[in-house]
Amino acid sequence: QVQLVESGGGLVQAGGSLRLSCVASESVFSFNGMGWYRQAQAPGKQREMVAIITSSGNTNYVDSVKGRFTISRDNAENTVYLQMNSLKPEDTGVYYCYAMNAFRTYWGQGTQVTVSS
């Protein structure tokens, strides 16, 4: 069973930075892609994809974080990072790491990010 363990969330003021980490229990190359979703606390908000990095290293971001967030990978440490700069209150939510292969998608337990105005 694949395990994903996230860390790095917290409380930060608007304009600040945080770095999220996601450690996988197996090689990152065993997945077609890894990345981050977030769930905002606002009622009716759906979970949205924030960033993804494929096994070949290609990246993609939701428009609202482009230029502020960077996803990267440490292959030797089986870890994916999300560097979040210039944080805004609307970035507040629970951030979930995920990893997908040809058969299923795996999820971490989530880490809370709160950005105060």
PDB file of N, CA and C in Angstrom:
ATOM      1  N   GLN A   1       0.839  -1.184   0.000  1.00  0.00           N
ATOM      2  CA  GLN A   1       0.000   0.000   0.000  1.00  0.00           C
ATOM      3  C   GLN A   1       0.886   1.250   0.000  1.00  0.00           C
ATOM      4  N   VAL A   2       0.679   2.116  -0.978  1.00  0.00           N
ATOM      5  CA  VAL A   2       1.442   3.351  -1.078  1.00  0.00           C
ATOM      6  C   VAL A   2       1.028   4.304   0.035  1.00  0.00           C
ATOM      7  N   GLN A   3       2.013   4.925   0.646  1.00  0.00           N
ATOM      8  CA  GLN A   3       1.748   5.946   1.656  1.00  0.00           C
ATOM      9  C   GLN A   3       2.381   7.263   1.235  1.00  0.00           C
ATOM     10  N   LEU A   4       1.643   8.330   1.464  1.00  0.00           N
ATOM     11  CA  LEU A   4       2.117   9.680   1.179  1.00  0.00           C
ATOM     12  C   LEU A   4       2.010  10.482   2.471  1.00  0.00           C
ATOM     13  N   VAL A   5       3.107  11.060   2.900  1.00  0.00           N
ATOM     14  CA  VAL A   5       3.131  11.804   4.160  1.00  0.00           C
ATOM     15  C   VAL A   5       3.494  13.253   3.873  1.00  0.00           C
ATOM     16  N   GLU A   6       2.562  14.147   4.179  1.00  0.00           N
ATOM     17  CA  GLU A   6       2.761  15.571   3.918  1.00  0.00           C
ATOM     18  C   GLU A   6       3.254  16.278   5.183  1.00  0.00           C
ATOM     19  N   SER A   7       3.927  17.384   4.962  1.00  0.00           N
ATOM     20  CA  SER A   7       4.328  18.261   6.054  1.00  0.00           C
ATOM     21  C   SER A   7       4.567  19.648   5.491  1.00  0.00           C
ATOM     22  N   GLY A   8       4.680  20.625   6.395  1.00  0.00           N
ATOM     23  CA  GLY A   8       5.045  21.969   5.980  1.00  0.00           C
ATOM     24  C   GLY A   8       3.939  23.002   6.020  1.00  0.00           C
ATOM     25  N   GLY A   9       2.727  22.581   6.320  1.00  0.00           N
ATOM     26  CA  GLY A   9       1.655  23.557   6.409  1.00  0.00           C
ATOM     27  C   GLY A   9       1.793  24.419   7.645  1.00  0.00           C
ATOM     28  N   GLY A  10       0.944  25.440   7.733  1.00  0.00           N
ATOM     29  CA  GLY A  10       0.984  26.315   8.892  1.00  0.00           C
ATOM     30  C   GLY A  10       0.241  27.595   8.655  1.00  0.00           C
ATOM     31  N   LEU A  11       0.481  28.538   9.553  1.00  0.00           N
ATOM     32  CA  LEU A  11      -0.148  29.854   9.488  1.00  0.00           C
ATOM     33  C   LEU A  11       0.897  30.872   9.036  1.00  0.00           C
ATOM     34  N   VAL A  12       0.533  31.668   8.055  1.00  0.00           N
ATOM     35  CA  VAL A  12       1.459  32.667   7.513  1.00  0.00           C
ATOM     36  C   VAL A  12       0.669  33.909   7.140  1.00  0.00           C
ATOM     37  N   GLN A  13       1.320  35.047   7.201  1.00  0.00           N
ATOM     38  CA  GLN A  13       0.670  36.283   6.772  1.00  0.00           C
ATOM     39  C   GLN A  13       0.683  36.396   5.255  1.00  0.00           C
ATOM     40  N   ALA A  14      -0.256  37.139   4.742  1.00  0.00           N
ATOM     41  CA  ALA A  14      -0.314  37.380   3.297  1.00  0.00           C
ATOM     42  C   ALA A  14       1.022  37.947   2.821  1.00  0.00           C
ATOM     43  N   GLY A  15       1.480  37.431   1.688  1.00  0.00           N
ATOM     44  CA  GLY A  15       2.775  37.817   1.151  1.00  0.00           C
ATOM     45  C   GLY A  15       3.909  36.912   1.577  1.00  0.00           C
ATOM     46  N   GLY A  16       3.648  36.049   2.541  1.00  0.00           N
ATOM     47  CA  GLY A  16       4.657  35.137   3.048  1.00  0.00           C
ATOM     48  C   GLY A  16       4.810  33.897   2.187  1.00  0.00           C
ATOM     49  N   SER A  17       5.649  32.981   2.677  1.00  0.00           N
ATOM     50  CA  SER A  17       5.967  31.760   1.939  1.00  0.00           C
ATOM     51  C   SER A  17       5.878  30.536   2.838  1.00  0.00           C
ATOM     52  N   LEU A  18       5.564  29.422   2.217  1.00  0.00           N
ATOM     53  CA  LEU A  18       5.607  28.117   2.864  1.00  0.00           C
ATOM     54  C   LEU A  18       6.102  27.101   1.847  1.00  0.00           C
ATOM     55  N   ARG A  19       6.700  26.028   2.340  1.00  0.00           N
ATOM     56  CA  ARG A  19       7.072  24.922   1.465  1.00  0.00           C
ATOM     57  C   ARG A  19       6.456  23.646   2.015  1.00  0.00           C
ATOM     58  N   LEU A  20       5.641  23.017   1.183  1.00  0.00           N
ATOM     59  CA  LEU A  20       5.041  21.731   1.528  1.00  0.00           C
ATOM     60  C   LEU A  20       5.910  20.601   1.000  1.00  0.00           C
ATOM     61  N   SER A  21       5.966  19.515   1.767  1.00  0.00           N
ATOM     62  CA  SER A  21       6.704  18.326   1.352  1.00  0.00           C
ATOM     63  C   SER A  21       5.776  17.124   1.366  1.00  0.00           C
ATOM     64  N   CYS A  22       6.011  16.211   0.457  1.00  0.00           N
ATOM     65  CA  CYS A  22       5.239  14.972   0.385  1.00  0.00           C
ATOM     66  C   CYS A  22       6.224  13.834   0.137  1.00  0.00           C
ATOM     67  N   VAL A  23       6.358  12.967   1.127  1.00  0.00           N
ATOM     68  CA  VAL A  23       7.272  11.837   1.017  1.00  0.00           C
ATOM     69  C   VAL A  23       6.474  10.586   0.669  1.00  0.00           C
ATOM     70  N   ALA A  24       6.869   9.937  -0.418  1.00  0.00           N
ATOM     71  CA  ALA A  24       6.201   8.716  -0.868  1.00  0.00           C
ATOM     72  C   ALA A  24       6.940   7.485  -0.343  1.00  0.00           C
ATOM     73  N   SER A  25       6.177   6.401  -0.140  1.00  0.00           N
ATOM     74  CA  SER A  25       6.761   5.176   0.388  1.00  0.00           C
ATOM     75  C   SER A  25       7.458   4.355  -0.689  1.00  0.00           C
ATOM     76  N   GLU A  26       7.357   4.795  -1.950  1.00  0.00           N
ATOM     77  CA  GLU A  26       8.088   4.135  -3.012  1.00  0.00           C
ATOM     78  C   GLU A  26       8.575   5.173  -4.005  1.00  0.00           C
ATOM     79  N   SER A  27       9.365   4.727  -4.969  1.00  0.00           N
ATOM     80  CA  SER A  27       9.996   5.652  -5.896  1.00  0.00           C
ATOM     81  C   SER A  27       8.979   6.511  -6.630  1.00  0.00           C
ATOM     82  N   VAL A  28       9.324   7.786  -6.787  1.00  0.00           N
ATOM     83  CA  VAL A  28       8.440   8.696  -7.516  1.00  0.00           C
ATOM     84  C   VAL A  28       8.294   8.265  -8.971  1.00  0.00           C
ATOM     85  N   PHE A  29       9.233   7.487  -9.471  1.00  0.00           N
ATOM     86  CA  PHE A  29       9.165   7.043 -10.865  1.00  0.00           C
ATOM     87  C   PHE A  29       8.145   5.919 -11.061  1.00  0.00           C
ATOM     88  N   SER A  30       7.603   5.399  -9.957  1.00  0.00           N
ATOM     89  CA  SER A  30       6.558   4.383 -10.087  1.00  0.00           C
ATOM     90  C   SER A  30       5.202   5.010 -10.379  1.00  0.00           C
ATOM     91  N   PHE A  31       5.145   6.346 -10.372  1.00  0.00           N
ATOM     92  CA  PHE A  31       3.893   7.056 -10.619  1.00  0.00           C
ATOM     93  C   PHE A  31       3.948   7.822 -11.937  1.00  0.00           C
ATOM     94  N   ASN A  32       2.817   7.912 -12.603  1.00  0.00           N
ATOM     95  CA  ASN A  32       2.735   8.723 -13.819  1.00  0.00           C
ATOM     96  C   ASN A  32       2.833  10.209 -13.486  1.00  0.00           C
ATOM     97  N   GLY A  33       2.352  10.552 -12.307  1.00  0.00           N
ATOM     98  CA  GLY A  33       2.401  11.941 -11.895  1.00  0.00           C
ATOM     99  C   GLY A  33       2.157  12.061 -10.410  1.00  0.00           C
ATOM    100  N   MET A  34       2.650  13.128  -9.846  1.00  0.00           N
ATOM    101  CA  MET A  34       2.402  13.467  -8.447  1.00  0.00           C
ATOM    102  C   MET A  34       2.085  14.949  -8.382  1.00  0.00           C
ATOM    103  N   GLY A  35       1.377  15.325  -7.328  1.00  0.00           N
ATOM    104  CA  GLY A  35       1.058  16.740  -7.229  1.00  0.00           C
ATOM    105  C   GLY A  35       0.260  17.075  -5.996  1.00  0.00           C
ATOM    106  N   TRP A  36      -0.417  18.214  -6.089  1.00  0.00           N
ATOM    107  CA  TRP A  36      -1.143  18.746  -4.953  1.00  0.00           C
ATOM    108  C   TRP A  36      -2.530  19.227  -5.371  1.00  0.00           C
ATOM    109  N   TYR A  37      -3.502  18.887  -4.556  1.00  0.00           N
ATOM    110  CA  TYR A  37      -4.837  19.449  -4.625  1.00  0.00           C
ATOM    111  C   TYR A  37      -5.048  20.270  -3.351  1.00  0.00           C
ATOM    112  N   ARG A  38      -6.035  21.137  -3.394  1.00  0.00           N
ATOM    113  CA  ARG A  38      -6.408  21.834  -2.164  1.00  0.00           C
ATOM    114  C   ARG A  38      -7.924  21.910  -2.044  1.00  0.00           C
ATOM    115  N   GLN A  39      -8.343  21.922  -0.779  1.00  0.00           N
ATOM    116  CA  GLN A  39      -9.764  22.040  -0.459  1.00  0.00           C
ATOM    117  C   GLN A  39      -9.933  23.287   0.386  1.00  0.00           C
ATOM    118  N   ALA A  40     -10.595  24.281  -0.183  1.00  0.00           N
ATOM    119  CA  ALA A  40     -10.853  25.511   0.559  1.00  0.00           C
ATOM    120  C   ALA A  40     -11.944  25.271   1.592  1.00  0.00           C
ATOM    121  N   GLN A  41     -11.938  26.089   2.634  1.00  0.00           N
ATOM    122  CA  GLN A  41     -12.934  25.932   3.693  1.00  0.00           C
ATOM    123  C   GLN A  41     -14.264  26.571   3.346  1.00  0.00           C
ATOM    124  N   ALA A  42     -14.280  27.450   2.343  1.00  0.00           N
ATOM    125  CA  ALA A  42     -15.510  28.150   1.998  1.00  0.00           C
ATOM    126  C   ALA A  42     -16.582  27.157   1.556  1.00  0.00           C
ATOM    127  N   PRO A  43     -17.814  27.340   2.012  1.00  0.00           N
ATOM    128  CA  PRO A  43     -18.894  26.411   1.634  1.00  0.00           C
ATOM    129  C   PRO A  43     -19.062  26.341   0.125  1.00  0.00           C
ATOM    130  N   GLY A  44     -19.259  25.130  -0.387  1.00  0.00           N
ATOM    131  CA  GLY A  44     -19.506  24.951  -1.805  1.00  0.00           C
ATOM    132  C   GLY A  44     -18.274  24.883  -2.672  1.00  0.00           C
ATOM    133  N   LYS A  45     -17.103  25.119  -2.068  1.00  0.00           N
ATOM    134  CA  LYS A  45     -15.885  25.067  -2.885  1.00  0.00           C
ATOM    135  C   LYS A  45     -15.468  23.608  -3.087  1.00  0.00           C
ATOM    136  N   GLN A  46     -15.138  23.287  -4.316  1.00  0.00           N
ATOM    137  CA  GLN A  46     -14.704  21.933  -4.618  1.00  0.00           C
ATOM    138  C   GLN A  46     -13.191  21.829  -4.501  1.00  0.00           C
ATOM    139  N   ARG A  47     -12.718  20.617  -4.311  1.00  0.00           N
ATOM    140  CA  ARG A  47     -11.276  20.391  -4.296  1.00  0.00           C
ATOM    141  C   ARG A  47     -10.734  20.704  -5.678  1.00  0.00           C
ATOM    142  N   GLU A  48      -9.638  21.449  -5.745  1.00  0.00           N
ATOM    143  CA  GLU A  48      -9.068  21.816  -7.032  1.00  0.00           C
ATOM    144  C   GLU A  48      -7.608  21.410  -7.133  1.00  0.00           C
ATOM    145  N   MET A  49      -7.217  21.061  -8.354  1.00  0.00           N
ATOM    146  CA  MET A  49      -5.825  20.730  -8.614  1.00  0.00           C
ATOM    147  C   MET A  49      -5.007  22.003  -8.541  1.00  0.00           C
ATOM    148  N   VAL A  50      -3.906  21.966  -7.814  1.00  0.00           N
ATOM    149  CA  VAL A  50      -3.025  23.116  -7.684  1.00  0.00           C
ATOM    150  C   VAL A  50      -1.818  22.981  -8.605  1.00  0.00           C
ATOM    151  N   ALA A  51      -1.143  21.838  -8.540  1.00  0.00           N
ATOM    152  CA  ALA A  51       0.070  21.642  -9.328  1.00  0.00           C
ATOM    153  C   ALA A  51       0.310  20.159  -9.524  1.00  0.00           C
ATOM    154  N   ILE A  52       0.940  19.829 -10.632  1.00  0.00           N
ATOM    155  CA  ILE A  52       1.290  18.444 -10.928  1.00  0.00           C
ATOM    156  C   ILE A  52       2.666  18.401 -11.578  1.00  0.00           C
ATOM    157  N   ILE A  53       3.398  17.339 -11.294  1.00  0.00           N
ATOM    158  CA  ILE A  53       4.658  17.069 -11.979  1.00  0.00           C
ATOM    159  C   ILE A  53       4.602  15.634 -12.468  1.00  0.00           C
ATOM    160  N   THR A  54       4.874  15.447 -13.758  1.00  0.00           N
ATOM    161  CA  THR A  54       4.797  14.115 -14.334  1.00  0.00           C
ATOM    162  C   THR A  54       6.109  13.366 -14.121  1.00  0.00           C
ATOM    163  N   SER A  55       6.089  12.088 -14.461  1.00  0.00           N
ATOM    164  CA  SER A  55       7.297  11.281 -14.305  1.00  0.00           C
ATOM    165  C   SER A  55       8.434  11.790 -15.192  1.00  0.00           C
ATOM    166  N   SER A  56       8.092  12.480 -16.270  1.00  0.00           N
ATOM    167  CA  SER A  56       9.124  13.030 -17.162  1.00  0.00           C
ATOM    168  C   SER A  56       9.566  14.425 -16.742  1.00  0.00           C
ATOM    169  N   GLY A  57       8.938  14.954 -15.679  1.00  0.00           N
ATOM    170  CA  GLY A  57       9.343  16.252 -15.162  1.00  0.00           C
ATOM    171  C   GLY A  57       8.533  17.433 -15.651  1.00  0.00           C
ATOM    172  N   ASN A  58       7.539  17.193 -16.482  1.00  0.00           N
ATOM    173  CA  ASN A  58       6.681  18.292 -16.920  1.00  0.00           C
ATOM    174  C   ASN A  58       5.786  18.745 -15.767  1.00  0.00           C
ATOM    175  N   THR A  59       5.520  20.045 -15.733  1.00  0.00           N
ATOM    176  CA  THR A  59       4.714  20.606 -14.654  1.00  0.00           C
ATOM    177  C   THR A  59       3.514  21.365 -15.210  1.00  0.00           C
ATOM    178  N   ASN A  60       2.493  21.486 -14.382  1.00  0.00           N
ATOM    179  CA  ASN A  60       1.313  22.259 -14.741  1.00  0.00           C
ATOM    180  C   ASN A  60       0.708  22.820 -13.460  1.00  0.00           C
ATOM    181  N   TYR A  61       0.089  24.004 -13.595  1.00  0.00           N
ATOM    182  CA  TYR A  61      -0.452  24.689 -12.432  1.00  0.00           C
ATOM    183  C   TYR A  61      -1.838  25.240 -12.739  1.00  0.00           C
ATOM    184  N   VAL A  62      -2.647  25.372 -11.712  1.00  0.00           N
ATOM    185  CA  VAL A  62      -3.896  26.101 -11.861  1.00  0.00           C
ATOM    186  C   VAL A  62      -3.531  27.578 -12.072  1.00  0.00           C
ATOM    187  N   ASP A  63      -4.326  28.277 -12.850  1.00  0.00           N
ATOM    188  CA  ASP A  63      -3.986  29.648 -13.228  1.00  0.00           C
ATOM    189  C   ASP A  63      -3.747  30.557 -12.024  1.00  0.00           C
ATOM    190  N   SER A  64      -4.499  30.349 -10.967  1.00  0.00           N
ATOM    191  CA  SER A  64      -4.437  31.259  -9.825  1.00  0.00           C
ATOM    192  C   SER A  64      -3.114  31.211  -9.070  1.00  0.00           C
ATOM    193  N   VAL A  65      -2.283  30.201  -9.314  1.00  0.00           N
ATOM    194  CA  VAL A  65      -1.007  30.107  -8.588  1.00  0.00           C
ATOM    195  C   VAL A  65       0.203  30.251  -9.503  1.00  0.00           C
ATOM    196  N   LYS A  66      -0.022  30.363 -10.776  1.00  0.00           N
ATOM    197  CA  LYS A  66       1.100  30.484 -11.721  1.00  0.00           C
ATOM    198  C   LYS A  66       1.939  31.721 -11.392  1.00  0.00           C
ATOM    199  N   GLY A  67       3.250  31.520 -11.379  1.00  0.00           N
ATOM    200  CA  GLY A  67       4.158  32.607 -11.046  1.00  0.00           C
ATOM    201  C   GLY A  67       4.417  32.744  -9.550  1.00  0.00           C
ATOM    202  N   ARG A  68       3.628  32.052  -8.726  1.00  0.00           N
ATOM    203  CA  ARG A  68       3.803  32.133  -7.272  1.00  0.00           C
ATOM    204  C   ARG A  68       4.217  30.785  -6.666  1.00  0.00           C
ATOM    205  N   PHE A  69       3.696  29.706  -7.207  1.00  0.00           N
ATOM    206  CA  PHE A  69       3.976  28.366  -6.675  1.00  0.00           C
ATOM    207  C   PHE A  69       4.899  27.618  -7.633  1.00  0.00           C
ATOM    208  N   THR A  70       5.738  26.766  -7.062  1.00  0.00           N
ATOM    209  CA  THR A  70       6.625  25.930  -7.864  1.00  0.00           C
ATOM    210  C   THR A  70       6.612  24.513  -7.301  1.00  0.00           C
ATOM    211  N   ILE A  71       6.332  23.558  -8.168  1.00  0.00           N
ATOM    212  CA  ILE A  71       6.386  22.155  -7.774  1.00  0.00           C
ATOM    213  C   ILE A  71       7.709  21.579  -8.243  1.00  0.00           C
ATOM    214  N   SER A  72       8.307  20.761  -7.389  1.00  0.00           N
ATOM    215  CA  SER A  72       9.581  20.146  -7.747  1.00  0.00           C
ATOM    216  C   SER A  72       9.658  18.761  -7.116  1.00  0.00           C
ATOM    217  N   ARG A  73      10.708  18.044  -7.462  1.00  0.00           N
ATOM    218  CA  ARG A  73      10.803  16.653  -7.034  1.00  0.00           C
ATOM    219  C   ARG A  73      12.246  16.321  -6.687  1.00  0.00           C
ATOM    220  N   ASP A  74      12.432  15.575  -5.620  1.00  0.00           N
ATOM    221  CA  ASP A  74      13.739  15.026  -5.260  1.00  0.00           C
ATOM    222  C   ASP A  74      13.636  13.515  -5.441  1.00  0.00           C
ATOM    223  N   ASN A  75      14.193  13.038  -6.526  1.00  0.00           N
ATOM    224  CA  ASN A  75      14.030  11.624  -6.859  1.00  0.00           C
ATOM    225  C   ASN A  75      14.673  10.710  -5.817  1.00  0.00           C
ATOM    226  N   ALA A  76      15.819  11.109  -5.319  1.00  0.00           N
ATOM    227  CA  ALA A  76      16.541  10.267  -4.361  1.00  0.00           C
ATOM    228  C   ALA A  76      15.790  10.143  -3.038  1.00  0.00           C
ATOM    229  N   GLU A  77      15.032  11.187  -2.680  1.00  0.00           N
ATOM    230  CA  GLU A  77      14.300  11.196  -1.418  1.00  0.00           C
ATOM    231  C   GLU A  77      12.839  10.813  -1.582  1.00  0.00           C
ATOM    232  N   ASN A  78      12.426  10.458  -2.797  1.00  0.00           N
ATOM    233  CA  ASN A  78      11.020  10.113  -3.071  1.00  0.00           C
ATOM    234  C   ASN A  78      10.083  11.207  -2.563  1.00  0.00           C
ATOM    235  N   THR A  79      10.453  12.441  -2.801  1.00  0.00           N
ATOM    236  CA  THR A  79       9.731  13.568  -2.231  1.00  0.00           C
ATOM    237  C   THR A  79       9.346  14.571  -3.311  1.00  0.00           C
ATOM    238  N   VAL A  80       8.149  15.089  -3.172  1.00  0.00           N
ATOM    239  CA  VAL A  80       7.669  16.171  -4.022  1.00  0.00           C
ATOM    240  C   VAL A  80       7.442  17.391  -3.129  1.00  0.00           C
ATOM    241  N   TYR A  81       7.839  18.538  -3.630  1.00  0.00           N
ATOM    242  CA  TYR A  81       7.713  19.779  -2.876  1.00  0.00           C
ATOM    243  C   TYR A  81       6.763  20.739  -3.584  1.00  0.00           C
ATOM    244  N   LEU A  82       6.152  21.604  -2.795  1.00  0.00           N
ATOM    245  CA  LEU A  82       5.385  22.715  -3.349  1.00  0.00           C
ATOM    246  C   LEU A  82       5.862  23.974  -2.637  1.00  0.00           C
ATOM    247  N   GLN A  83       6.646  24.776  -3.346  1.00  0.00           N
ATOM    248  CA  GLN A  83       7.097  26.054  -2.815  1.00  0.00           C
ATOM    249  C   GLN A  83       6.032  27.092  -3.111  1.00  0.00           C
ATOM    250  N   MET A  84       5.520  27.715  -2.069  1.00  0.00           N
ATOM    251  CA  MET A  84       4.433  28.676  -2.217  1.00  0.00           C
ATOM    252  C   MET A  84       4.912  30.044  -1.761  1.00  0.00           C
ATOM    253  N   ASN A  85       4.988  30.965  -2.690  1.00  0.00           N
ATOM    254  CA  ASN A  85       5.418  32.337  -2.405  1.00  0.00           C
ATOM    255  C   ASN A  85       4.265  33.310  -2.630  1.00  0.00           C
ATOM    256  N   SER A  86       4.413  34.511  -2.097  1.00  0.00           N
ATOM    257  CA  SER A  86       3.406  35.563  -2.261  1.00  0.00           C
ATOM    258  C   SER A  86       2.015  35.034  -1.940  1.00  0.00           C
ATOM    259  N   LEU A  87       1.899  34.368  -0.822  1.00  0.00           N
ATOM    260  CA  LEU A  87       0.636  33.729  -0.451  1.00  0.00           C
ATOM    261  C   LEU A  87      -0.465  34.753  -0.223  1.00  0.00           C
ATOM    262  N   LYS A  88      -1.677  34.357  -0.580  1.00  0.00           N
ATOM    263  CA  LYS A  88      -2.860  35.197  -0.457  1.00  0.00           C
ATOM    264  C   LYS A  88      -3.869  34.498   0.455  1.00  0.00           C
ATOM    265  N   PRO A  89      -4.767  35.255   1.067  1.00  0.00           N
ATOM    266  CA  PRO A  89      -5.791  34.616   1.907  1.00  0.00           C
ATOM    267  C   PRO A  89      -6.604  33.559   1.163  1.00  0.00           C
ATOM    268  N   GLU A  90      -6.807  33.764  -0.124  1.00  0.00           N
ATOM    269  CA  GLU A  90      -7.576  32.778  -0.893  1.00  0.00           C
ATOM    270  C   GLU A  90      -6.822  31.478  -1.132  1.00  0.00           C
ATOM    271  N   ASP A  91      -5.546  31.423  -0.748  1.00  0.00           N
ATOM    272  CA  ASP A  91      -4.801  30.169  -0.817  1.00  0.00           C
ATOM    273  C   ASP A  91      -5.066  29.282   0.394  1.00  0.00           C
ATOM    274  N   THR A  92      -5.800  29.793   1.357  1.00  0.00           N
ATOM    275  CA  THR A  92      -6.102  29.033   2.565  1.00  0.00           C
ATOM    276  C   THR A  92      -6.887  27.774   2.248  1.00  0.00           C
ATOM    277  N   GLY A  93      -6.509  26.672   2.885  1.00  0.00           N
ATOM    278  CA  GLY A  93      -7.213  25.419   2.701  1.00  0.00           C
ATOM    279  C   GLY A  93      -6.375  24.247   3.165  1.00  0.00           C
ATOM    280  N   VAL A  94      -6.919  23.070   2.984  1.00  0.00           N
ATOM    281  CA  VAL A  94      -6.178  21.843   3.256  1.00  0.00           C
ATOM    282  C   VAL A  94      -5.559  21.371   1.951  1.00  0.00           C
ATOM    283  N   TYR A  95      -4.270  21.171   1.972  1.00  0.00           N
ATOM    284  CA  TYR A  95      -3.524  20.759   0.782  1.00  0.00           C
ATOM    285  C   TYR A  95      -3.240  19.263   0.868  1.00  0.00           C
ATOM    286  N   TYR A  96      -3.611  18.570  -0.191  1.00  0.00           N
ATOM    287  CA  TYR A  96      -3.459  17.123  -0.252  1.00  0.00           C
ATOM    288  C   TYR A  96      -2.450  16.747  -1.335  1.00  0.00           C
ATOM    289  N   CYS A  97      -1.506  15.929  -0.955  1.00  0.00           N
ATOM    290  CA  CYS A  97      -0.586  15.354  -1.929  1.00  0.00           C
ATOM    291  C   CYS A  97      -1.261  14.146  -2.584  1.00  0.00           C
ATOM    292  N   TYR A  98      -1.003  13.943  -3.867  1.00  0.00           N
ATOM    293  CA  TYR A  98      -1.526  12.757  -4.519  1.00  0.00           C
ATOM    294  C   TYR A  98      -0.477  12.179  -5.459  1.00  0.00           C
ATOM    295  N   ALA A  99      -0.653  10.896  -5.744  1.00  0.00           N
ATOM    296  CA  ALA A  99       0.217  10.200  -6.686  1.00  0.00           C
ATOM    297  C   ALA A  99      -0.649   9.232  -7.476  1.00  0.00           C
ATOM    298  N   MET A 100      -0.439   9.183  -8.773  1.00  0.00           N
ATOM    299  CA  MET A 100      -1.277   8.316  -9.597  1.00  0.00           C
ATOM    300  C   MET A 100      -0.420   7.432 -10.487  1.00  0.00           C
ATOM    301  N   ASN A 101      -0.878   6.184 -10.608  1.00  0.00           N
ATOM    302  CA  ASN A 101      -0.281   5.290 -11.577  1.00  0.00           C
ATOM    303  C   ASN A 101      -1.386   4.820 -12.513  1.00  0.00           C
ATOM    304  N   ALA A 102      -1.131   3.765 -13.264  1.00  0.00           N
ATOM    305  CA  ALA A 102      -2.095   3.327 -14.266  1.00  0.00           C
ATOM    306  C   ALA A 102      -3.368   2.747 -13.643  1.00  0.00           C
ATOM    307  N   PHE A 103      -3.312   2.443 -12.341  1.00  0.00           N
ATOM    308  CA  PHE A 103      -4.414   1.711 -11.725  1.00  0.00           C
ATOM    309  C   PHE A 103      -5.233   2.558 -10.757  1.00  0.00           C
ATOM    310  N   ARG A 104      -4.608   3.464 -10.066  1.00  0.00           N
ATOM    311  CA  ARG A 104      -5.344   4.222  -9.065  1.00  0.00           C
ATOM    312  C   ARG A 104      -4.576   5.469  -8.650  1.00  0.00           C
ATOM    313  N   THR A 105      -5.284   6.272  -7.853  1.00  0.00           N
ATOM    314  CA  THR A 105      -4.705   7.486  -7.293  1.00  0.00           C
ATOM    315  C   THR A 105      -4.626   7.336  -5.779  1.00  0.00           C
ATOM    316  N   TYR A 106      -3.493   7.745  -5.227  1.00  0.00           N
ATOM    317  CA  TYR A 106      -3.263   7.667  -3.792  1.00  0.00           C
ATOM    318  C   TYR A 106      -3.255   9.086  -3.221  1.00  0.00           C
ATOM    319  N   TRP A 107      -3.694   9.211  -1.964  1.00  0.00           N
ATOM    320  CA  TRP A 107      -3.804  10.517  -1.323  1.00  0.00           C
ATOM    321  C   TRP A 107      -3.101  10.530   0.022  1.00  0.00           C
ATOM    322  N   GLY A 108      -2.530  11.682   0.336  1.00  0.00           N
ATOM    323  CA  GLY A 108      -2.013  11.896   1.665  1.00  0.00           C
ATOM    324  C   GLY A 108      -3.129  12.335   2.595  1.00  0.00           C
ATOM    325  N   GLN A 109      -2.769  12.588   3.844  1.00  0.00           N
ATOM    326  CA  GLN A 109      -3.770  12.910   4.854  1.00  0.00           C
ATOM    327  C   GLN A 109      -4.146  14.391   4.849  1.00  0.00           C
ATOM    328  N   GLY A 110      -3.365  15.202   4.184  1.00  0.00           N
ATOM    329  CA  GLY A 110      -3.666  16.632   4.092  1.00  0.00           C
ATOM    330  C   GLY A 110      -2.902  17.439   5.123  1.00  0.00           C
ATOM    331  N   THR A 111      -2.569  18.669   4.746  1.00  0.00           N
ATOM    332  CA  THR A 111      -1.907  19.588   5.655  1.00  0.00           C
ATOM    333  C   THR A 111      -2.565  20.961   5.511  1.00  0.00           C
ATOM    334  N   GLN A 112      -2.835  21.589   6.633  1.00  0.00           N
ATOM    335  CA  GLN A 112      -3.573  22.852   6.645  1.00  0.00           C
ATOM    336  C   GLN A 112      -2.638  24.022   6.345  1.00  0.00           C
ATOM    337  N   VAL A 113      -3.087  24.860   5.433  1.00  0.00           N
ATOM    338  CA  VAL A 113      -2.401  26.120   5.128  1.00  0.00           C
ATOM    339  C   VAL A 113      -3.388  27.250   5.404  1.00  0.00           C
ATOM    340  N   THR A 114      -2.994  28.172   6.257  1.00  0.00           N
ATOM    341  CA  THR A 114      -3.842  29.308   6.576  1.00  0.00           C
ATOM    342  C   THR A 114      -3.061  30.590   6.322  1.00  0.00           C
ATOM    343  N   VAL A 115      -3.625  31.449   5.486  1.00  0.00           N
ATOM    344  CA  VAL A 115      -2.990  32.722   5.146  1.00  0.00           C
ATOM    345  C   VAL A 115      -3.858  33.842   5.703  1.00  0.00           C
ATOM    346  N   SER A 116      -3.302  34.600   6.620  1.00  0.00           N
ATOM    347  CA  SER A 116      -4.046  35.695   7.240  1.00  0.00           C
ATOM    348  C   SER A 116      -3.812  36.988   6.469  1.00  0.00           C
ATOM    349  N   SER A 117      -4.833  37.821   6.475  1.00  0.00           N
ATOM    350  CA  SER A 117      -4.737  39.087   5.734  1.00  0.00           C
ATOM    351  C   SER A 117      -4.174  40.199   6.600  1.00  0.00           C
TER     352      SER A 117
END
